[in-house]
C-alpha atoms as a PDB file:
ATOM      1  CA  MET A   1     -32.426 -34.563  79.265  1.00  0.00           C
ATOM      2  CA  CYS A   2     -30.706 -37.726  80.585  1.00  0.00           C
ATOM      3  CA  ARG A   3     -31.905 -39.452  83.627  1.00  0.00           C
ATOM      4  CA  MET A   4     -28.638 -38.062  85.782  1.00  0.00           C
ATOM      5  CA  SER A   5     -29.080 -34.460  84.238  1.00  0.00           C
ATOM      6  CA  ALA A   6     -32.495 -34.635  85.643  1.00  0.00           C
ATOM      7  CA  LEU A   7     -31.515 -35.464  89.020  1.00  0.00           C
ATOM      8  CA  ALA A   8     -28.673 -33.222  89.096  1.00  0.00           C
ATOM      9  CA  ALA A   9     -31.379 -30.320  88.309  1.00  0.00           C
ATOM     10  CA  THR A  10     -33.512 -31.390  91.123  1.00  0.00           C
ATOM     11  CA  ALA A  11     -30.659 -31.829  93.376  1.00  0.00           C
ATOM     12  CA  LEU A  12     -29.831 -27.851  92.587  1.00  0.00           C
ATOM     13  CA  ALA A  13     -33.297 -27.022  92.926  1.00  0.00           C
ATOM     14  CA  LEU A  14     -33.614 -27.827  96.230  1.00  0.00           C
ATOM     15  CA  VAL A  15     -30.458 -25.675  97.746  1.00  0.00           C
ATOM     16  CA  LEU A  16     -31.802 -23.147 100.223  1.00  0.00           C
ATOM     17  CA  ILE A  17     -32.943 -19.896  98.013  1.00  0.00           C
ATOM     18  CA  PRO A  18     -31.571 -16.532 100.031  1.00  0.00           C
ATOM     19  CA  ILE A  19     -34.295 -14.570 102.078  1.00  0.00           C
ATOM     20  CA  SER A  20     -34.154 -10.775 101.166  1.00  0.00           C
ATOM     21  CA  GLY A  21     -32.725  -8.983 103.792  1.00  0.00           C
ATOM     22  CA  GLN A  22     -31.003 -11.989 105.392  1.00  0.00           C
ATOM     23  CA  ALA A  23     -27.246 -13.239 104.824  1.00  0.00           C
ATOM     24  CA  ARG A  24     -26.790 -15.636 102.140  1.00  0.00           C
ATOM     25  CA  GLU A  25     -26.305 -19.062 103.280  1.00  0.00           C
ATOM     26  CA  LYS A  26     -23.291 -20.678 101.394  1.00  0.00           C
ATOM     27  CA  PRO A  27     -24.672 -23.243  99.131  1.00  0.00           C
ATOM     28  CA  LYS A  28     -24.728 -26.885 100.020  1.00  0.00           C
ATOM     29  CA  PRO A  29     -22.870 -29.186  97.552  1.00  0.00           C
ATOM     30  CA  ALA A  30     -25.396 -31.548  95.784  1.00  0.00           C
ATOM     31  CA  VAL A  31     -25.206 -35.025  97.220  1.00  0.00           C
ATOM     32  CA  SER A  32     -25.153 -37.715  94.043  1.00  0.00           C
ATOM     33  CA  THR A  33     -27.495 -40.703  94.632  1.00  0.00           C
ATOM     34  CA  PRO A  34     -25.683 -44.119  92.868  1.00  0.00           C
ATOM     35  CA  ALA A  35     -27.020 -44.767  89.671  1.00  0.00           C
ATOM     36  CA  ALA A  36     -27.785 -48.363  90.821  1.00  0.00           C
ATOM     37  CA  LYS A  37     -29.854 -46.936  93.946  1.00  0.00           C
ATOM     38  CA  VAL A  38     -31.740 -44.857  91.563  1.00  0.00           C
ATOM     39  CA  ASP A  39     -32.565 -47.680  89.051  1.00  0.00           C
ATOM     40  CA  ALA A  40     -33.656 -49.769  91.782  1.00  0.00           C
ATOM     41  CA  ALA A  41     -35.879 -47.041  93.397  1.00  0.00           C
ATOM     42  CA  ALA A  42     -37.352 -46.193  90.011  1.00  0.00           C
ATOM     43  CA  SER A  43     -37.877 -49.824  88.736  1.00  0.00           C
ATOM     44  CA  PRO A  44     -41.206 -51.548  90.315  1.00  0.00           C
ATOM     45  CA  ALA A  45     -40.798 -54.610  91.971  1.00  0.00           C
ATOM     46  CA  PRO A  46     -41.820 -57.777  89.970  1.00  0.00           C
ATOM     47  CA  PRO A  47     -44.993 -59.267  90.881  1.00  0.00           C
ATOM     48  CA  PRO A  48     -44.720 -61.824  93.562  1.00  0.00           C
ATOM     49  CA  LYS A  49     -45.285 -65.681  92.186  1.00  0.00           C
ATOM     50  CA  ALA A  50     -48.542 -67.408  92.704  1.00  0.00           C
ATOM     51  CA  THR A  51     -49.096 -69.159  96.188  1.00  0.00           C
ATOM     52  CA  PRO A  52     -49.312 -72.972  96.139  1.00  0.00           C
ATOM     53  CA  ALA A  53     -53.134 -72.423  96.764  1.00  0.00           C
ATOM     54  CA  GLU A  54     -53.866 -70.199  93.478  1.00  0.00           C
ATOM     55  CA  ARG A  55     -52.069 -72.578  91.667  1.00  0.00           C
ATOM     56  CA  ALA A  56     -53.923 -75.067  92.862  1.00  0.00           C
ATOM     57  CA  MET A  57     -56.784 -73.283  91.923  1.00  0.00           C
ATOM     58  CA  ALA A  58     -55.586 -72.431  88.339  1.00  0.00           C
ATOM     59  CA  GLN A  59     -55.558 -76.081  87.718  1.00  0.00           C
ATOM     60  CA  ARG A  60     -59.651 -76.257  87.752  1.00  0.00           C
ATOM     61  CA  LEU A  61     -59.591 -73.359  84.938  1.00  0.00           C
ATOM     62  CA  ASP A  62     -60.361 -73.944  81.203  1.00  0.00           C
ATOM     63  CA  PRO A  63     -57.116 -74.514  79.222  1.00  0.00           C
ATOM     64  CA  LEU A  64     -57.071 -71.063  77.451  1.00  0.00           C
ATOM     65  CA  ALA A  65     -56.925 -69.526  81.062  1.00  0.00           C
ATOM     66  CA  ARG A  66     -54.749 -72.090  82.605  1.00  0.00           C
ATOM     67  CA  ALA A  67     -52.509 -71.125  79.417  1.00  0.00           C
ATOM     68  CA  ALA A  68     -52.470 -67.414  80.556  1.00  0.00           C
ATOM     69  CA  PHE A  69     -51.829 -68.344  84.460  1.00  0.00           C
ATOM     70  CA  TRP A  70     -48.798 -70.541  83.598  1.00  0.00           C
ATOM     71  CA  GLY A  71     -47.471 -68.443  80.953  1.00  0.00           C
ATOM     72  CA  ARG A  72     -47.135 -65.530  83.742  1.00  0.00           C
ATOM     73  CA  GLU A  73     -45.628 -67.581  85.998  1.00  0.00           C
ATOM     74  CA  ALA A  74     -43.096 -68.867  83.506  1.00  0.00           C
ATOM     75  CA  ASP A  75     -42.392 -65.173  82.519  1.00  0.00           C
ATOM     76  CA  ARG A  76     -41.715 -64.731  86.434  1.00  0.00           C
ATOM     77  CA  ASP A  77     -39.260 -67.555  87.182  1.00  0.00           C
ATOM     78  CA  LYS A  78     -37.411 -68.903  83.893  1.00  0.00           C
ATOM     79  CA  GLY A  79     -36.368 -71.865  86.119  1.00  0.00           C
ATOM     80  CA  ASP A  80     -40.034 -72.698  87.288  1.00  0.00           C
ATOM     81  CA  VAL A  81     -40.172 -76.184  86.305  1.00  0.00           C
ATOM     82  CA  GLU A  82     -43.906 -76.508  87.708  1.00  0.00           C
ATOM     83  CA  ALA A  83     -44.934 -73.362  85.606  1.00  0.00           C
ATOM     84  CA  ALA A  84     -43.489 -74.916  82.340  1.00  0.00           C
ATOM     85  CA  ILE A  85     -44.598 -78.213  82.691  1.00  0.00           C
ATOM     86  CA  ASN A  86     -48.321 -76.985  83.321  1.00  0.00           C
ATOM     87  CA  LEU A  87     -48.236 -74.301  80.564  1.00  0.00           C
ATOM     88  CA  SER A  88     -47.304 -77.085  78.111  1.00  0.00           C
ATOM     89  CA  GLN A  89     -50.561 -79.232  79.511  1.00  0.00           C
ATOM     90  CA  ALA A  90     -52.608 -76.180  78.869  1.00  0.00           C
ATOM     91  CA  LEU A  91     -51.236 -75.649  75.336  1.00  0.00           C
ATOM     92  CA  ARG A  92     -51.856 -79.322  74.552  1.00  0.00           C
ATOM     93  CA  ALA A  93     -55.226 -79.269  75.437  1.00  0.00           C
ATOM     94  CA  MET A  94     -55.796 -76.056  73.395  1.00  0.00           C
ATOM     95  CA  GLY A  95     -54.143 -78.443  70.358  1.00  0.00           C
ATOM     96  CA  ARG A  96     -51.195 -76.052  70.287  1.00  0.00           C
ATOM     97  CA  LEU A  97     -48.828 -78.649  69.930  1.00  0.00           C
ATOM     98  CA  ASP A  98     -45.611 -76.551  68.770  1.00  0.00           C
ATOM     99  CA  ASP A  99     -46.093 -74.150  71.546  1.00  0.00           C
ATOM    100  CA  ALA A 100     -46.440 -77.268  73.960  1.00  0.00           C
ATOM    101  CA  GLY A 101     -43.484 -78.795  72.874  1.00  0.00           C
ATOM    102  CA  ALA A 102     -41.276 -75.757  73.172  1.00  0.00           C
ATOM    103  CA  ALA A 103     -42.501 -75.476  77.099  1.00  0.00           C
ATOM    104  CA  ALA A 104     -41.840 -78.907  77.744  1.00  0.00           C
ATOM    105  CA  GLU A 105     -38.826 -78.748  76.200  1.00  0.00           C
ATOM    106  CA  ARG A 106     -37.909 -75.828  78.414  1.00  0.00           C
ATOM    107  CA  ALA A 107     -38.890 -77.679  81.684  1.00  0.00           C
ATOM    108  CA  LEU A 108     -36.356 -80.393  80.325  1.00  0.00           C
ATOM    109  CA  ILE A 109     -33.542 -78.130  80.077  1.00  0.00           C
ATOM    110  CA  ILE A 110     -34.002 -76.639  83.493  1.00  0.00           C
ATOM    111  CA  ALA A 111     -34.415 -80.214  84.828  1.00  0.00           C
ATOM    112  CA  PRO A 112     -33.251 -83.069  82.416  1.00  0.00           C
ATOM    113  CA  ASP A 113     -34.292 -85.649  84.935  1.00  0.00           C
ATOM    114  CA  ASN A 114     -37.423 -84.549  86.318  1.00  0.00           C
ATOM    115  CA  VAL A 115     -40.214 -87.272  85.873  1.00  0.00           C
ATOM    116  CA  PRO A 116     -43.351 -85.043  85.058  1.00  0.00           C
ATOM    117  CA  ALA A 117     -41.472 -82.697  82.657  1.00  0.00           C
ATOM    118  CA  LEU A 118     -40.266 -86.179  81.018  1.00  0.00           C
ATOM    119  CA  LEU A 119     -43.640 -87.513  80.585  1.00  0.00           C
ATOM    120  CA  GLU A 120     -45.003 -84.431  79.183  1.00  0.00           C
ATOM    121  CA  VAL A 121     -42.406 -84.496  76.747  1.00  0.00           C
ATOM    122  CA  ALA A 122     -43.376 -87.748  75.492  1.00  0.00           C
ATOM    123  CA  ARG A 123     -47.333 -86.860  75.634  1.00  0.00           C
ATOM    124  CA  VAL A 124     -46.638 -83.678  73.389  1.00  0.00           C
ATOM    125  CA  GLN A 125     -44.892 -85.906  71.000  1.00  0.00           C
ATOM    126  CA  ILE A 126     -47.493 -88.637  70.876  1.00  0.00           C
ATOM    127  CA  ALA A 127     -50.260 -85.936  70.394  1.00  0.00           C
ATOM    128  CA  ARG A 128     -48.037 -85.051  67.189  1.00  0.00           C
ATOM    129  CA  ASN A 129     -48.274 -88.631  66.435  1.00  0.00           C
ATOM    130  CA  GLN A 130     -44.458 -88.883  66.520  1.00  0.00           C
ATOM    131  CA  GLY A 131     -44.382 -91.664  69.018  1.00  0.00           C
ATOM    132  CA  PHE A 132     -40.622 -92.674  67.884  1.00  0.00           C
ATOM    133  CA  TYR A 133     -39.310 -89.361  69.883  1.00  0.00           C
ATOM    134  CA  ALA A 134     -41.134 -90.174  72.981  1.00  0.00           C
ATOM    135  CA  ILE A 135     -39.441 -93.653  73.443  1.00  0.00           C
ATOM    136  CA  GLU A 136     -36.357 -92.552  74.595  1.00  0.00           C
ATOM    137  CA  PRO A 137     -38.036 -89.859  77.544  1.00  0.00           C
ATOM    138  CA  LEU A 138     -40.236 -92.771  78.649  1.00  0.00           C
ATOM    139  CA  ARG A 139     -37.646 -95.429  79.024  1.00  0.00           C
ATOM    140  CA  LYS A 140     -35.852 -92.634  81.367  1.00  0.00           C
ATOM    141  CA  VAL A 141     -39.144 -92.498  83.609  1.00  0.00           C
ATOM    142  CA  ILE A 142     -39.352 -96.525  83.655  1.00  0.00           C
ATOM    143  CA  ALA A 143     -35.591 -96.596  84.704  1.00  0.00           C
ATOM    144  CA  ALA A 144     -36.195 -93.963  87.472  1.00  0.00           C
ATOM    145  CA  THR A 145     -40.040 -94.961  88.697  1.00  0.00           C
ATOM    146  CA  PRO A 146     -40.303 -98.648  87.660  1.00  0.00           C
ATOM    147  CA  ARG A 147     -43.643 -98.928  89.775  1.00  0.00           C
ATOM    148  CA  ASP A 148     -45.349 -96.226  87.817  1.00  0.00           C
ATOM    149  CA  TRP A 149     -47.855 -97.447  85.252  1.00  0.00           C
ATOM    150  CA  ARG A 150     -48.146 -94.242  83.617  1.00  0.00           C
ATOM    151  CA  ALA A 151     -44.515 -94.270  81.246  1.00  0.00           C
ATOM    152  CA  PRO A 152     -45.325 -98.025  80.214  1.00  0.00           C
ATOM    153  CA  SER A 153     -48.986 -97.333  79.303  1.00  0.00           C
ATOM    154  CA  LEU A 154     -47.598 -94.021  77.319  1.00  0.00           C
ATOM    155  CA  LEU A 155     -44.499 -96.170  75.729  1.00  0.00           C
ATOM    156  CA  GLY A 156     -47.355 -98.648  74.904  1.00  0.00           C
ATOM    157  CA  VAL A 157     -48.991 -95.951  72.368  1.00  0.00           C
ATOM    158  CA  ALA A 158     -45.355 -94.639  71.386  1.00  0.00           C
ATOM    159  CA  LEU A 159     -44.411 -97.969  70.287  1.00  0.00           C
ATOM    160  CA  GLU A 160     -47.574 -98.478  68.403  1.00  0.00           C
ATOM    161  CA  GLN A 161     -46.910 -95.220  66.520  1.00  0.00           C
ATOM    162  CA  ALA A 162     -43.579 -96.393  65.865  1.00  0.00           C
ATOM    163  CA  SER A 163     -45.006 -99.597  64.227  1.00  0.00           C
ATOM    164  CA  ARG A 164     -43.449-101.673  66.971  1.00  0.00           C
ATOM    165  CA  ASP A 165     -46.247-103.753  67.832  1.00  0.00           C
ATOM    166  CA  ASP A 166     -44.853-106.820  69.663  1.00  0.00           C
ATOM    167  CA  GLU A 167     -43.067-104.226  71.836  1.00  0.00           C
ATOM    168  CA  ALA A 168     -46.203-101.811  72.306  1.00  0.00           C
ATOM    169  CA  LEU A 169     -47.939-104.824  73.475  1.00  0.00           C
ATOM    170  CA  ALA A 170     -45.687-105.843  75.986  1.00  0.00           C
ATOM    171  CA  ALA A 171     -45.444-102.221  77.319  1.00  0.00           C
ATOM    172  CA  HIS A 172     -49.412-102.259  77.603  1.00  0.00           C
ATOM    173  CA  ARG A 173     -49.429-105.517  79.289  1.00  0.00           C
ATOM    174  CA  GLN A 174     -46.881-104.224  81.864  1.00  0.00           C
ATOM    175  CA  ALA A 175     -49.157-101.127  82.491  1.00  0.00           C
ATOM    176  CA  VAL A 176     -51.763-103.259  83.416  1.00  0.00           C
ATOM    177  CA  ALA A 177     -49.864-105.431  85.532  1.00  0.00           C
ATOM    178  CA  LEU A 178     -48.365-102.440  87.732  1.00  0.00           C
ATOM    179  CA  ALA A 179     -52.239-101.138  88.182  1.00  0.00           C
ATOM    180  CA  PRO A 180     -54.712-103.628  87.321  1.00  0.00           C
ATOM    181  CA  ASP A 181     -57.553-101.467  89.059  1.00  0.00           C
ATOM    182  CA  ASN A 182     -56.654 -98.404  87.113  1.00  0.00           C
ATOM    183  CA  PRO A 183     -58.923 -97.981  84.003  1.00  0.00           C
ATOM    184  CA  ALA A 184     -56.488 -95.893  82.197  1.00  0.00           C
ATOM    185  CA  PRO A 185     -53.907 -98.637  81.344  1.00  0.00           C
ATOM    186  CA  ILE A 186     -56.804-101.173  80.522  1.00  0.00           C
ATOM    187  CA  ALA A 187     -58.272 -98.760  78.320  1.00  0.00           C
ATOM    188  CA  ASN A 188     -55.222 -98.008  76.342  1.00  0.00           C
ATOM    189  CA  LEU A 189     -54.565-101.972  76.152  1.00  0.00           C
ATOM    190  CA  ALA A 190     -58.229-102.312  74.931  1.00  0.00           C
ATOM    191  CA  MET A 191     -57.674 -99.743  72.235  1.00  0.00           C
ATOM    192  CA  PHE A 192     -54.372-101.746  71.044  1.00  0.00           C
ATOM    193  CA  TYR A 193     -56.497-104.392  70.514  1.00  0.00           C
ATOM    194  CA  ALA A 194     -59.145-102.569  68.551  1.00  0.00           C
ATOM    195  CA  GLY A 195     -56.514-101.111  66.573  1.00  0.00           C
ATOM    196  CA  HIS A 196     -55.686-104.111  65.208  1.00  0.00           C
ATOM    197  CA  GLY A 197     -58.699-105.651  64.345  1.00  0.00           C
ATOM    198  CA  ASP A 198     -59.598-107.531  67.387  1.00  0.00           C
ATOM    199  CA  ALA A 199     -63.096-105.726  68.687  1.00  0.00           C
ATOM    200  CA  THR A 200     -64.212-108.648  70.768  1.00  0.00           C
ATOM    201  CA  GLN A 201     -61.126-108.463  72.924  1.00  0.00           C
ATOM    202  CA  ALA A 202     -61.043-104.633  73.056  1.00  0.00           C
ATOM    203  CA  GLU A 203     -64.664-104.768  74.089  1.00  0.00           C
ATOM    204  CA  THR A 204     -64.143-107.133  76.944  1.00  0.00           C
ATOM    205  CA  LEU A 205     -61.497-104.698  78.331  1.00  0.00           C
ATOM    206  CA  LEU A 206     -63.500-101.654  77.860  1.00  0.00           C
ATOM    207  CA  ARG A 207     -66.239-103.157  79.703  1.00  0.00           C
ATOM    208  CA  GLN A 208     -63.690-103.881  82.445  1.00  0.00           C
ATOM    209  CA  ALA A 209     -62.400-100.286  82.393  1.00  0.00           C
ATOM    210  CA  VAL A 210     -65.703 -98.762  82.434  1.00  0.00           C
ATOM    211  CA  SER A 211     -66.745-100.713  85.650  1.00  0.00           C
ATOM    212  CA  LYS A 212     -63.750 -99.471  87.756  1.00  0.00           C
ATOM    213  CA  SER A 213     -63.711 -96.212  90.207  1.00  0.00           C
ATOM    214  CA  GLY A 214     -62.296 -93.436  88.248  1.00  0.00           C
ATOM    215  CA  ALA A 215     -63.307 -94.310  84.768  1.00  0.00           C
ATOM    216  CA  ASP A 216     -63.730 -90.922  82.625  1.00  0.00           C
ATOM    217  CA  MET A 217     -65.530 -90.057  79.430  1.00  0.00           C
ATOM    218  CA  THR A 218     -62.777 -90.856  77.424  1.00  0.00           C
ATOM    219  CA  VAL A 219     -63.015 -94.598  78.583  1.00  0.00           C
ATOM    220  CA  ARG A 220     -66.744 -94.493  77.731  1.00  0.00           C
ATOM    221  CA  GLN A 221     -66.396 -92.796  74.363  1.00  0.00           C
ATOM    222  CA  ASN A 222     -63.841 -95.524  73.510  1.00  0.00           C
ATOM    223  CA  LEU A 223     -66.241 -98.399  74.602  1.00  0.00           C
ATOM    224  CA  ALA A 224     -69.215 -96.866  72.264  1.00  0.00           C
ATOM    225  CA  LEU A 225     -66.402 -96.419  69.491  1.00  0.00           C
ATOM    226  CA  VAL A 226     -65.633-100.096  69.428  1.00  0.00           C
ATOM    227  CA  LEU A 227     -69.382-100.855  69.706  1.00  0.00           C
ATOM    228  CA  GLY A 228     -70.200 -98.552  66.977  1.00  0.00           C
ATOM    229  CA  LEU A 229     -67.218-100.708  64.838  1.00  0.00           C
ATOM    230  CA  GLN A 230     -68.731-103.588  64.986  1.00  0.00           C
ATOM    231  CA  GLY A 231     -72.310-102.414  64.115  1.00  0.00           C
ATOM    232  CA  ARG A 232     -73.817-102.371  67.237  1.00  0.00           C
ATOM    233  CA  PHE A 233     -75.230 -98.402  66.912  1.00  0.00           C
ATOM    234  CA  ASP A 234     -78.133 -98.436  69.274  1.00  0.00           C
ATOM    235  CA  GLU A 235     -76.052 -99.438  72.436  1.00  0.00           C
ATOM    236  CA  ALA A 236     -73.014 -97.091  71.208  1.00  0.00           C
ATOM    237  CA  GLU A 237     -75.456 -94.236  70.828  1.00  0.00           C
ATOM    238  CA  ARG A 238     -76.533 -94.877  73.818  1.00  0.00           C
ATOM    239  CA  ILE A 239     -73.062 -94.734  75.813  1.00  0.00           C
ATOM    240  CA  ALA A 240     -72.134 -92.050  73.601  1.00  0.00           C
ATOM    241  CA  ARG A 241     -74.821 -89.595  74.828  1.00  0.00           C
ATOM    242  CA  GLN A 242     -73.826 -89.564  78.629  1.00  0.00           C
ATOM    243  CA  ASP A 243     -71.163 -87.426  78.164  1.00  0.00           C
ATOM    244  CA  LEU A 244     -71.342 -85.701  74.225  1.00  0.00           C
ATOM    245  CA  PRO A 245     -73.978 -83.067  73.071  1.00  0.00           C
ATOM    246  CA  PRO A 246     -76.409 -84.121  70.508  1.00  0.00           C
ATOM    247  CA  GLU A 247     -75.113 -82.720  67.798  1.00  0.00           C
ATOM    248  CA  ILE A 248     -71.363 -84.244  68.118  1.00  0.00           C
ATOM    249  CA  VAL A 249     -72.984 -87.850  68.938  1.00  0.00           C
ATOM    250  CA  ALA A 250     -74.895 -87.367  65.332  1.00  0.00           C
ATOM    251  CA  ASN A 251     -71.651 -86.667  63.754  1.00  0.00           C
ATOM    252  CA  ASN A 252     -69.603 -89.630  65.383  1.00  0.00           C
ATOM    253  CA  MET A 253     -72.486 -92.155  64.593  1.00  0.00           C
ATOM    254  CA  ALA A 254     -72.714 -91.086  61.213  1.00  0.00           C
ATOM    255  CA  TYR A 255     -69.005 -91.632  60.508  1.00  0.00           C
ATOM    256  CA  LEU A 256     -69.335 -95.286  62.532  1.00  0.00           C
ATOM    257  CA  ARG A 257     -72.289 -96.115  60.391  1.00  0.00           C
ATOM    258  CA  ALA A 258     -70.140 -95.296  57.277  1.00  0.00           C
ATOM    259  CA  ALA A 259     -66.837 -97.036  58.844  1.00  0.00           C
ATOM    260  CA  ALA A 260     -68.534-100.020  59.811  1.00  0.00           C
ATOM    261  CA  GLY A 261     -70.821-100.628  56.542  1.00  0.00           C
ATOM    262  CA  PRO A 262     -70.399-103.366  53.877  1.00  0.00           C
ATOM    263  CA  ALA A 263     -67.776-101.508  52.147  1.00  0.00           C
ATOM    264  CA  ALA A 264     -65.429-101.116  55.235  1.00  0.00           C
ATOM    265  CA  GLY A 265     -62.330-102.597  54.832  1.00  0.00           C
ATOM    266  CA  PRO A 266     -59.590-103.331  57.234  1.00  0.00           C
ATOM    267  CA  ALA A 267     -57.980-100.015  57.068  1.00  0.00           C
ATOM    268  CA  GLN A 268     -61.059 -98.242  58.014  1.00  0.00           C
ATOM    269  CA  ARG A 269     -60.966 -99.983  61.465  1.00  0.00           C
ATOM    270  CA  SER A 270     -57.236 -98.978  61.947  1.00  0.00           C
ATOM    271  CA  TRP A 271     -56.014 -96.620  64.968  1.00  0.00           C
ATOM    272  CA  ASP A 272     -56.052 -93.247  62.577  1.00  0.00           C
ATOM    273  CA  ALA A 273     -59.527 -94.170  61.670  1.00  0.00           C
ATOM    274  CA  MET A 274     -60.655 -94.482  65.154  1.00  0.00           C
ATOM    275  CA  ARG A 275     -59.071 -91.832  66.434  1.00  0.00           C
ATOM    276  CA  SER A 276     -60.839 -89.377  63.432  1.00  0.00           C
ATOM    277  CA  ALA A 277     -63.885 -90.850  64.914  1.00  0.00           C
ATOM    278  CA  GLN A 278     -63.271 -89.667  68.076  1.00  0.00           C
END
C-alpha cells in the first residue's frame, strides 16, 4: 500500500462509528493532507551543524577522528568551506592524499579565492611530490596576502620539486624575510641548502630555527638528519631521542649511517634521500 493509500485508510478509520440504538451520524468527509506536509512531518530534521566550540575541540582529535567529524560536517552542508578544508587536512595527515585532494578541490570549487583552500590544495600537491601543480595556487595567495610568509615558503618547496632551484631559493628567502623569527620558514630554507649539498649552511640555519619560540619536533628532527648525514651520529641520536620512540630512532640512525658511509655519493644526500630518512 502506498503512503497516500495508507493515509486515506487512516482518515476513514477516524469517522465516528454509529452506536447501537442511536441515530447514525452522517459521515464527515476525510480531510486530505498535502503530500509536502506529510513528507515534512515524516522526515526527521537533519542534525544541526556543530557549534564553533565543538569544531575547535575537534581540531585536537587524532587524524582519524578529525576526518570522521569533518566528513559529517561536510555532508551536512555541501557549501561548508571550513569543513572541506579541515577534512582535507585530516586525510592528508593520514596519508590519504587522493581523498585529501578531492576535499581540497571541493573547497576551492565552493570558494575559488579562499586563501586557506588555496594553501591546502598546494599542500596536497606538495605531499604528492607534484609541486608544479601547487605553484599557481600559491602565486594567487601571494598576490592576495603579500605579507603572509606561508605561501612563499610552500612555493619554495613546490619550485624545488619542479626543478626550478633559483626561483625556489628566492621564494625561501622571501619567506624568511617576512617572518625572521618564525622557525618554519628558516627550517625550510635550511632543508633547501641540505638538499643541495650545503650541510654547513643547513646546520647553521637549523640551529637558529631550533632556538626560536615555537620550534617543533619537525625542526629538531631535521637538525638530527643533517647532523647524521655529516657523520655526527652521537649528537644526531641525542636530538632524535627527544621526540621519537627508540625503535624509530634506531631505524633512522641505521639509515643515516648507511647514507653517510664512505660509499655514499651525492645522490644519497639528495632531498629524496633525506625525506626517506624522516
